[in-house]
C-alpha atoms as a PDB file:
ATOM      1  CA  MET A   1     103.316  44.266 171.741  1.00  0.00           C
ATOM      2  CA  ALA A   2     102.612  42.044 168.718  1.00  0.00           C
ATOM      3  CA  PRO A   3      98.948  41.388 169.603  1.00  0.00           C
ATOM      4  CA  ASP A   4      98.440  45.123 170.089  1.00  0.00           C
ATOM      5  CA  ILE A   5      99.814  45.871 166.599  1.00  0.00           C
ATOM      6  CA  LEU A   6      97.759  43.134 164.977  1.00  0.00           C
ATOM      7  CA  ARG A   7      94.627  44.438 166.675  1.00  0.00           C
ATOM      8  CA  ARG A   8      95.511  48.064 165.919  1.00  0.00           C
ATOM      9  CA  ASN A   9      95.719  47.388 162.177  1.00  0.00           C
ATOM     10  CA  ASN A  10      93.033  44.671 162.048  1.00  0.00           C
ATOM     11  CA  VAL A  11      95.590  42.255 160.589  1.00  0.00           C
ATOM     12  CA  LYS A  12      94.274  39.063 158.974  1.00  0.00           C
ATOM     13  CA  VAL A  13      96.553  36.168 158.020  1.00  0.00           C
ATOM     14  CA  SER A  14      95.449  33.347 155.721  1.00  0.00           C
ATOM     15  CA  GLY A  15      96.638  31.192 152.837  1.00  0.00           C
ATOM     16  CA  LYS A  16      98.397  27.850 152.500  1.00  0.00           C
ATOM     17  CA  GLY A  17     101.827  28.995 151.304  1.00  0.00           C
ATOM     18  CA  GLU A  18     104.974  29.990 153.154  1.00  0.00           C
ATOM     19  CA  GLN A  19     106.042  33.186 151.384  1.00  0.00           C
ATOM     20  CA  PRO A  20     104.182  36.269 152.655  1.00  0.00           C
ATOM     21  CA  ILE A  21     102.324  38.526 150.250  1.00  0.00           C
ATOM     22  CA  MET A  22     101.019  41.700 151.871  1.00  0.00           C
ATOM     23  CA  PHE A  23      98.190  43.731 150.339  1.00  0.00           C
ATOM     24  CA  ALA A  24      97.934  47.425 151.302  1.00  0.00           C
ATOM     25  CA  HIS A  25      94.820  49.443 150.471  1.00  0.00           C
ATOM     26  CA  GLY A  26      94.660  52.979 149.127  1.00  0.00           C
ATOM     27  CA  PHE A  27      93.157  56.229 150.394  1.00  0.00           C
ATOM     28  CA  GLY A  28      89.701  55.990 151.948  1.00  0.00           C
ATOM     29  CA  CYS A  29      89.577  52.209 151.585  1.00  0.00           C
ATOM     30  CA  ASP A  30      90.297  49.085 153.608  1.00  0.00           C
ATOM     31  CA  GLN A  31      91.400  45.489 153.087  1.00  0.00           C
ATOM     32  CA  HIS A  32      87.958  44.530 151.736  1.00  0.00           C
ATOM     33  CA  MET A  33      88.927  46.139 148.418  1.00  0.00           C
ATOM     34  CA  TRP A  34      91.293  43.214 147.745  1.00  0.00           C
ATOM     35  CA  ARG A  35      88.583  40.548 147.930  1.00  0.00           C
ATOM     36  CA  PHE A  36      88.599  39.873 144.169  1.00  0.00           C
ATOM     37  CA  ILE A  37      92.380  39.427 144.118  1.00  0.00           C
ATOM     38  CA  THR A  38      93.379  37.471 147.206  1.00  0.00           C
ATOM     39  CA  PRO A  39      91.646  34.140 146.410  1.00  0.00           C
ATOM     40  CA  ALA A  40      94.012  33.704 143.443  1.00  0.00           C
ATOM     41  CA  PHE A  41      97.018  33.739 145.799  1.00  0.00           C
ATOM     42  CA  GLU A  42      95.700  31.720 148.757  1.00  0.00           C
ATOM     43  CA  GLN A  43      97.071  28.396 147.554  1.00  0.00           C
ATOM     44  CA  ASP A  44     100.685  29.488 147.084  1.00  0.00           C
ATOM     45  CA  TYR A  45     101.267  32.304 149.577  1.00  0.00           C
ATOM     46  CA  LYS A  46     100.721  33.440 153.143  1.00  0.00           C
ATOM     47  CA  LEU A  47      98.313  36.360 152.765  1.00  0.00           C
ATOM     48  CA  ILE A  48      98.645  39.418 154.988  1.00  0.00           C
ATOM     49  CA  LEU A  49      95.739  41.882 154.929  1.00  0.00           C
ATOM     50  CA  PHE A  50      95.343  44.899 157.183  1.00  0.00           C
ATOM     51  CA  ASP A  51      93.772  48.331 157.582  1.00  0.00           C
ATOM     52  CA  PHE A  52      95.836  51.466 158.049  1.00  0.00           C
ATOM     53  CA  VAL A  53      95.037  53.258 161.302  1.00  0.00           C
ATOM     54  CA  GLY A  54      91.967  55.418 160.786  1.00  0.00           C
ATOM     55  CA  ASN A  55      90.558  53.162 158.059  1.00  0.00           C
ATOM     56  CA  GLY A  56      88.312  50.122 157.997  1.00  0.00           C
ATOM     57  CA  LYS A  57      88.206  48.215 161.282  1.00  0.00           C
ATOM     58  CA  SER A  58      91.516  49.498 162.602  1.00  0.00           C
ATOM     59  CA  ASP A  59      91.713  50.916 166.115  1.00  0.00           C
ATOM     60  CA  ILE A  60      90.789  54.556 165.556  1.00  0.00           C
ATOM     61  CA  ASN A  61      91.986  55.358 169.085  1.00  0.00           C
ATOM     62  CA  ALA A  62      95.520  54.625 167.869  1.00  0.00           C
ATOM     63  CA  TYR A  63      95.358  57.482 165.383  1.00  0.00           C
ATOM     64  CA  ASN A  64      98.027  60.115 166.030  1.00  0.00           C
ATOM     65  CA  PRO A  65      97.933  63.261 163.847  1.00  0.00           C
ATOM     66  CA  GLU A  66     101.669  63.796 164.228  1.00  0.00           C
ATOM     67  CA  ARG A  67     102.611  60.233 163.294  1.00  0.00           C
ATOM     68  CA  TYR A  68     100.333  60.191 160.265  1.00  0.00           C
ATOM     69  CA  ALA A  69     101.114  63.686 159.000  1.00  0.00           C
ATOM     70  CA  THR A  70     103.314  62.045 156.327  1.00  0.00           C
ATOM     71  CA  LEU A  71     103.404  58.664 154.640  1.00  0.00           C
ATOM     72  CA  HIS A  72     106.333  57.685 156.856  1.00  0.00           C
ATOM     73  CA  GLY A  73     103.834  57.075 159.663  1.00  0.00           C
ATOM     74  CA  TYR A  74     101.884  54.662 157.483  1.00  0.00           C
ATOM     75  CA  ALA A  75     105.132  53.020 156.389  1.00  0.00           C
ATOM     76  CA  GLN A  76     105.892  52.444 160.067  1.00  0.00           C
ATOM     77  CA  ASP A  77     102.552  50.624 160.351  1.00  0.00           C
ATOM     78  CA  VAL A  78     103.769  48.263 157.629  1.00  0.00           C
ATOM     79  CA  LEU A  79     107.105  47.714 159.381  1.00  0.00           C
ATOM     80  CA  ASP A  80     105.377  47.142 162.730  1.00  0.00           C
ATOM     81  CA  ILE A  81     103.231  44.420 161.155  1.00  0.00           C
ATOM     82  CA  CYS A  82     106.282  42.801 159.538  1.00  0.00           C
ATOM     83  CA  GLU A  83     108.043  42.734 162.899  1.00  0.00           C
ATOM     84  CA  ALA A  84     104.984  41.473 164.776  1.00  0.00           C
ATOM     85  CA  LEU A  85     104.559  38.569 162.347  1.00  0.00           C
ATOM     86  CA  ASP A  86     108.320  38.012 161.914  1.00  0.00           C
ATOM     87  CA  LEU A  87     107.975  38.293 158.140  1.00  0.00           C
ATOM     88  CA  ARG A  88     110.793  37.839 155.638  1.00  0.00           C
ATOM     89  CA  ASP A  89     110.940  37.783 151.821  1.00  0.00           C
ATOM     90  CA  THR A  90     107.594  39.582 151.691  1.00  0.00           C
ATOM     91  CA  ILE A  91     105.967  40.568 148.415  1.00  0.00           C
ATOM     92  CA  PHE A  92     104.333  43.939 149.062  1.00  0.00           C
ATOM     93  CA  VAL A  93     101.357  44.867 146.876  1.00  0.00           C
ATOM     94  CA  GLY A  94     100.241  48.464 147.333  1.00  0.00           C
ATOM     95  CA  HIS A  95      97.412  50.343 145.683  1.00  0.00           C
ATOM     96  CA  SER A  96      97.791  54.037 144.872  1.00  0.00           C
ATOM     97  CA  VAL A  97      99.328  55.930 147.813  1.00  0.00           C
ATOM     98  CA  SER A  98     100.245  52.631 149.467  1.00  0.00           C
ATOM     99  CA  SER A  99     102.705  52.000 146.645  1.00  0.00           C
ATOM    100  CA  MET A 100     104.884  54.810 147.978  1.00  0.00           C
ATOM    101  CA  THR A 101     104.190  53.700 151.547  1.00  0.00           C
ATOM    102  CA  GLY A 102     105.548  50.268 150.695  1.00  0.00           C
ATOM    103  CA  MET A 103     108.537  51.796 148.955  1.00  0.00           C
ATOM    104  CA  LEU A 104     109.357  53.885 152.028  1.00  0.00           C
ATOM    105  CA  ALA A 105     109.065  50.809 154.236  1.00  0.00           C
ATOM    106  CA  ALA A 106     111.304  48.762 151.942  1.00  0.00           C
ATOM    107  CA  VAL A 107     113.916  51.514 151.742  1.00  0.00           C
ATOM    108  CA  SER A 108     113.941  51.773 155.521  1.00  0.00           C
ATOM    109  CA  GLU A 109     113.994  48.020 156.281  1.00  0.00           C
ATOM    110  CA  PRO A 110     114.704  46.041 153.092  1.00  0.00           C
ATOM    111  CA  ARG A 111     115.279  42.830 155.089  1.00  0.00           C
ATOM    112  CA  TYR A 112     111.525  42.300 155.318  1.00  0.00           C
ATOM    113  CA  PHE A 113     110.823  42.454 151.588  1.00  0.00           C
ATOM    114  CA  SER A 114     111.669  40.737 148.304  1.00  0.00           C
ATOM    115  CA  ARG A 115     109.588  42.640 145.708  1.00  0.00           C
ATOM    116  CA  ILE A 116     107.280  45.638 145.537  1.00  0.00           C
ATOM    117  CA  VAL A 117     104.167  45.636 143.330  1.00  0.00           C
ATOM    118  CA  MET A 118     102.697  49.103 142.741  1.00  0.00           C
ATOM    119  CA  VAL A 119      99.126  49.431 141.452  1.00  0.00           C
ATOM    120  CA  GLY A 120      98.405  52.961 140.180  1.00  0.00           C
ATOM    121  CA  PRO A 121     101.372  54.568 141.973  1.00  0.00           C
ATOM    122  CA  SER A 122     102.519  58.177 141.995  1.00  0.00           C
ATOM    123  CA  PRO A 123     105.551  59.693 143.744  1.00  0.00           C
ATOM    124  CA  CYS A 124     104.213  63.245 143.330  1.00  0.00           C
ATOM    125  CA  TYR A 125     100.725  64.361 142.281  1.00  0.00           C
ATOM    126  CA  ILE A 126     101.551  68.003 141.533  1.00  0.00           C
ATOM    127  CA  ASN A 127     103.005  69.159 138.216  1.00  0.00           C
ATOM    128  CA  ASP A 128     106.521  70.548 138.599  1.00  0.00           C
ATOM    129  CA  GLU A 129     108.187  72.137 135.561  1.00  0.00           C
ATOM    130  CA  GLU A 130     108.766  69.196 133.183  1.00  0.00           C
ATOM    131  CA  TYR A 131     107.348  66.644 135.613  1.00  0.00           C
ATOM    132  CA  VAL A 132     103.701  65.741 134.951  1.00  0.00           C
ATOM    133  CA  GLY A 133     101.932  64.666 138.124  1.00  0.00           C
ATOM    134  CA  GLY A 134      98.407  65.321 136.907  1.00  0.00           C
ATOM    135  CA  PHE A 135      97.387  68.242 139.136  1.00  0.00           C
ATOM    136  CA  GLU A 136      98.255  71.868 139.705  1.00  0.00           C
ATOM    137  CA  ARG A 137      98.836  72.874 143.320  1.00  0.00           C
ATOM    138  CA  GLN A 138      95.714  75.031 143.343  1.00  0.00           C
ATOM    139  CA  ASP A 139      93.698  71.988 142.205  1.00  0.00           C
ATOM    140  CA  ILE A 140      94.815  70.069 145.289  1.00  0.00           C
ATOM    141  CA  GLU A 141      94.201  73.039 147.571  1.00  0.00           C
ATOM    142  CA  GLY A 142      90.681  73.367 146.164  1.00  0.00           C
ATOM    143  CA  LEU A 143      90.086  69.641 146.569  1.00  0.00           C
ATOM    144  CA  LEU A 144      91.096  69.764 150.238  1.00  0.00           C
ATOM    145  CA  GLU A 145      89.011  72.868 150.877  1.00  0.00           C
ATOM    146  CA  THR A 146      85.913  71.228 149.414  1.00  0.00           C
ATOM    147  CA  MET A 147      86.669  68.082 151.377  1.00  0.00           C
ATOM    148  CA  GLU A 148      86.733  70.063 154.622  1.00  0.00           C
ATOM    149  CA  LYS A 149      83.504  71.937 153.917  1.00  0.00           C
ATOM    150  CA  ASN A 150      81.411  69.045 152.595  1.00  0.00           C
ATOM    151  CA  TYR A 151      83.065  65.656 152.895  1.00  0.00           C
ATOM    152  CA  ILE A 152      80.002  63.618 151.934  1.00  0.00           C
ATOM    153  CA  GLY A 153      79.369  65.739 148.842  1.00  0.00           C
ATOM    154  CA  TRP A 154      83.059  65.582 147.932  1.00  0.00           C
ATOM    155  CA  SER A 155      83.010  61.779 148.230  1.00  0.00           C
ATOM    156  CA  ASN A 156      79.871  61.415 146.121  1.00  0.00           C
ATOM    157  CA  PHE A 157      81.365  63.602 143.394  1.00  0.00           C
ATOM    158  CA  LEU A 158      84.963  62.385 143.287  1.00  0.00           C
ATOM    159  CA  ALA A 159      84.801  58.654 144.057  1.00  0.00           C
ATOM    160  CA  PRO A 160      82.977  57.679 140.828  1.00  0.00           C
ATOM    161  CA  GLN A 161      85.481  59.728 138.814  1.00  0.00           C
ATOM    162  CA  ILE A 162      88.374  57.974 140.503  1.00  0.00           C
ATOM    163  CA  MET A 163      86.840  54.566 139.830  1.00  0.00           C
ATOM    164  CA  GLY A 164      86.353  55.646 136.213  1.00  0.00           C
ATOM    165  CA  HIS A 165      83.581  53.299 135.065  1.00  0.00           C
ATOM    166  CA  PRO A 166      80.351  55.261 134.519  1.00  0.00           C
ATOM    167  CA  ASP A 167      78.932  52.211 132.746  1.00  0.00           C
ATOM    168  CA  ARG A 168      79.241  50.270 136.030  1.00  0.00           C
ATOM    169  CA  PRO A 169      77.874  52.724 138.626  1.00  0.00           C
ATOM    170  CA  GLU A 170      77.936  50.112 141.375  1.00  0.00           C
ATOM    171  CA  LEU A 171      81.740  50.314 141.392  1.00  0.00           C
ATOM    172  CA  GLY A 172      81.723  54.066 141.911  1.00  0.00           C
ATOM    173  CA  GLN A 173      79.094  53.655 144.604  1.00  0.00           C
ATOM    174  CA  GLU A 174      81.243  51.149 146.475  1.00  0.00           C
ATOM    175  CA  LEU A 175      84.170  53.555 146.509  1.00  0.00           C
ATOM    176  CA  THR A 176      81.852  56.380 147.578  1.00  0.00           C
ATOM    177  CA  ASP A 177      80.561  54.275 150.469  1.00  0.00           C
ATOM    178  CA  SER A 178      84.120  53.432 151.473  1.00  0.00           C
ATOM    179  CA  PHE A 179      85.127  57.101 151.474  1.00  0.00           C
ATOM    180  CA  CYS A 180      82.037  58.054 153.463  1.00  0.00           C
ATOM    181  CA  SER A 181      82.747  55.434 156.137  1.00  0.00           C
ATOM    182  CA  THR A 182      86.089  57.093 156.937  1.00  0.00           C
ATOM    183  CA  ASP A 183      86.291  59.758 159.642  1.00  0.00           C
ATOM    184  CA  PRO A 184      86.317  63.095 157.729  1.00  0.00           C
ATOM    185  CA  VAL A 185      89.068  64.628 159.864  1.00  0.00           C
ATOM    186  CA  ILE A 186      91.338  61.610 159.413  1.00  0.00           C
ATOM    187  CA  ALA A 187      90.470  61.390 155.711  1.00  0.00           C
ATOM    188  CA  ARG A 188      91.443  65.009 155.161  1.00  0.00           C
ATOM    189  CA  GLN A 189      94.797  64.596 156.862  1.00  0.00           C
ATOM    190  CA  PHE A 190      95.450  61.394 154.898  1.00  0.00           C
ATOM    191  CA  ALA A 191      94.554  63.275 151.704  1.00  0.00           C
ATOM    192  CA  GLU A 192      96.957  66.064 152.608  1.00  0.00           C
ATOM    193  CA  ALA A 193      99.734  63.564 153.378  1.00  0.00           C
ATOM    194  CA  THR A 194      98.998  61.910 150.029  1.00  0.00           C
ATOM    195  CA  PHE A 195      98.479  64.748 147.567  1.00  0.00           C
ATOM    196  CA  PHE A 196     101.137  67.108 148.900  1.00  0.00           C
ATOM    197  CA  SER A 197     103.733  64.336 149.119  1.00  0.00           C
ATOM    198  CA  ASP A 198     106.815  64.283 146.913  1.00  0.00           C
ATOM    199  CA  TYR A 199     108.940  61.149 147.111  1.00  0.00           C
ATOM    200  CA  ARG A 200     110.721  61.514 143.789  1.00  0.00           C
ATOM    201  CA  SER A 201     114.086  61.855 145.533  1.00  0.00           C
ATOM    202  CA  ASP A 202     113.545  58.521 147.317  1.00  0.00           C
ATOM    203  CA  LEU A 203     112.942  56.418 144.214  1.00  0.00           C
ATOM    204  CA  SER A 204     116.611  55.705 143.533  1.00  0.00           C
ATOM    205  CA  LYS A 205     116.960  54.303 147.071  1.00  0.00           C
ATOM    206  CA  LEU A 206     114.726  51.321 146.336  1.00  0.00           C
ATOM    207  CA  LYS A 207     117.026  48.486 145.269  1.00  0.00           C
ATOM    208  CA  LEU A 208     114.432  45.705 145.313  1.00  0.00           C
ATOM    209  CA  PRO A 209     112.708  44.599 142.093  1.00  0.00           C
ATOM    210  CA  SER A 210     109.455  46.457 141.513  1.00  0.00           C
ATOM    211  CA  LEU A 211     106.448  46.179 139.227  1.00  0.00           C
ATOM    212  CA  ILE A 212     104.601  49.328 138.164  1.00  0.00           C
ATOM    213  CA  MET A 213     101.022  48.625 137.074  1.00  0.00           C
ATOM    214  CA  GLN A 214      99.757  51.647 135.156  1.00  0.00           C
ATOM    215  CA  CYS A 215      96.152  51.908 133.981  1.00  0.00           C
ATOM    216  CA  SER A 216      95.762  53.166 130.423  1.00  0.00           C
ATOM    217  CA  GLU A 217      93.391  55.961 131.559  1.00  0.00           C
ATOM    218  CA  ASP A 218      93.682  57.200 135.128  1.00  0.00           C
ATOM    219  CA  ILE A 219      92.765  60.697 136.378  1.00  0.00           C
ATOM    220  CA  ILE A 220      94.880  60.228 139.527  1.00  0.00           C
ATOM    221  CA  ALA A 221      98.050  58.794 137.988  1.00  0.00           C
ATOM    222  CA  PRO A 222      98.424  59.623 134.267  1.00  0.00           C
ATOM    223  CA  LEU A 223     100.611  57.611 131.908  1.00  0.00           C
ATOM    224  CA  GLU A 224     103.487  60.066 132.286  1.00  0.00           C
ATOM    225  CA  VAL A 225     103.721  59.156 135.971  1.00  0.00           C
ATOM    226  CA  GLY A 226     104.166  55.453 135.257  1.00  0.00           C
ATOM    227  CA  GLU A 227     106.822  56.202 132.671  1.00  0.00           C
ATOM    228  CA  TYR A 228     108.637  58.521 135.089  1.00  0.00           C
ATOM    229  CA  LEU A 229     108.613  55.878 137.810  1.00  0.00           C
ATOM    230  CA  HIS A 230     109.996  53.289 135.426  1.00  0.00           C
ATOM    231  CA  GLN A 231     112.849  55.615 134.493  1.00  0.00           C
ATOM    232  CA  GLN A 232     113.675  56.455 138.098  1.00  0.00           C
ATOM    233  CA  LEU A 233     113.160  53.148 139.901  1.00  0.00           C
ATOM    234  CA  PRO A 234     116.148  50.810 139.574  1.00  0.00           C
ATOM    235  CA  ASN A 235     115.226  47.242 138.626  1.00  0.00           C
ATOM    236  CA  SER A 236     111.624  48.161 137.760  1.00  0.00           C
ATOM    237  CA  THR A 237     109.143  46.707 135.278  1.00  0.00           C
ATOM    238  CA  LEU A 238     106.359  48.818 133.784  1.00  0.00           C
ATOM    239  CA  LYS A 239     103.120  47.215 132.665  1.00  0.00           C
ATOM    240  CA  VAL A 240     100.480  49.443 131.056  1.00  0.00           C
ATOM    241  CA  MET A 241      97.134  47.776 131.603  1.00  0.00           C
ATOM    242  CA  LYS A 242      94.111  47.568 129.363  1.00  0.00           C
ATOM    243  CA  ALA A 243      92.133  48.500 132.470  1.00  0.00           C
ATOM    244  CA  THR A 244      91.004  52.092 132.954  1.00  0.00           C
ATOM    245  CA  GLY A 245      90.269  54.047 136.104  1.00  0.00           C
ATOM    246  CA  HIS A 246      92.323  54.079 139.293  1.00  0.00           C
ATOM    247  CA  CYS A 247      91.179  50.822 140.932  1.00  0.00           C
ATOM    248  CA  PRO A 248      91.908  47.908 138.568  1.00  0.00           C
ATOM    249  CA  HIS A 249      91.922  45.429 141.469  1.00  0.00           C
ATOM    250  CA  VAL A 250      88.198  46.165 141.755  1.00  0.00           C
ATOM    251  CA  SER A 251      87.205  46.954 138.159  1.00  0.00           C
ATOM    252  CA  ALA A 252      89.527  44.513 136.332  1.00  0.00           C
ATOM    253  CA  PRO A 253      90.591  41.841 138.830  1.00  0.00           C
ATOM    254  CA  ASP A 254      91.388  39.155 136.255  1.00  0.00           C
ATOM    255  CA  GLU A 255      93.879  41.346 134.406  1.00  0.00           C
ATOM    256  CA  THR A 256      95.347  42.514 137.715  1.00  0.00           C
ATOM    257  CA  ILE A 257      95.846  38.929 138.899  1.00  0.00           C
ATOM    258  CA  ASP A 258      97.354  37.809 135.590  1.00  0.00           C
ATOM    259  CA  ILE A 259      99.904  40.633 135.540  1.00  0.00           C
ATOM    260  CA  ILE A 260     101.003  40.092 139.147  1.00  0.00           C
ATOM    261  CA  LYS A 261     101.285  36.328 138.718  1.00  0.00           C
ATOM    262  CA  GLU A 262     103.204  36.618 135.484  1.00  0.00           C
ATOM    263  CA  TYR A 263     105.632  39.068 137.088  1.00  0.00           C
ATOM    264  CA  LEU A 264     106.158  36.896 140.160  1.00  0.00           C
ATOM    265  CA  SER A 265     106.748  33.814 138.019  1.00  0.00           C
ATOM    266  CA  ARG A 266     109.524  35.635 136.158  1.00  0.00           C
ATOM    267  CA  THR A 267     111.211  37.115 139.206  1.00  0.00           C
ATOM    268  CA  CYS A 268     110.961  34.318 141.755  1.00  0.00           C
END
């Protein structure tokens, strides 16, 4: 069972430390996106990298539309990996949608985890009365419709905006290439599970310490989202970054590393 799970999610284990630190990629990406971050943690931690099913070098044959219709299916991937590797006291670092995936996993099985680090998180992307998520429902519906009709064009248009660094076009191109390497059908269902999700009611269930890393300008997760999370998550720390865009682990790795290390040093 364990080898099957490790193969299914293309799990890679490295590092010289004992405490596990697990890095979970965001939508349309894979573990390669963490390459600027992980070397800084190799000396002191056991690094766990993986690809969600349907992404990267995971086993695409393991993809099940019913299982992955919500983020709970992806959270189960995380729990399966924790069980397969017999992990305890794990620091979970999730980018974007994986922040909520990690939260769901930790709420379900807190025994595996010690802290949750959220990079550009959002519990709900759609505006709702006084809640500012950043998008109107019709915006998301239009995004998904365009995605279905012309996935390559959608990727080429949206990925650079998500990365948010027009002065460094190579970064936007990398994210575009990552999006385009994902099966369009799987990508659309993952997008639907992401952008129509609403996990605001689950935030109070997370009792573990958490770090919210909020970029100062982010079209996917605006500042109001980070502030809302900080208010709703018990035992949380909010850090507004100098970095802009939605992928600071790629565009501003040094700041990302410094913030995570400083937080871990205070909460160990």
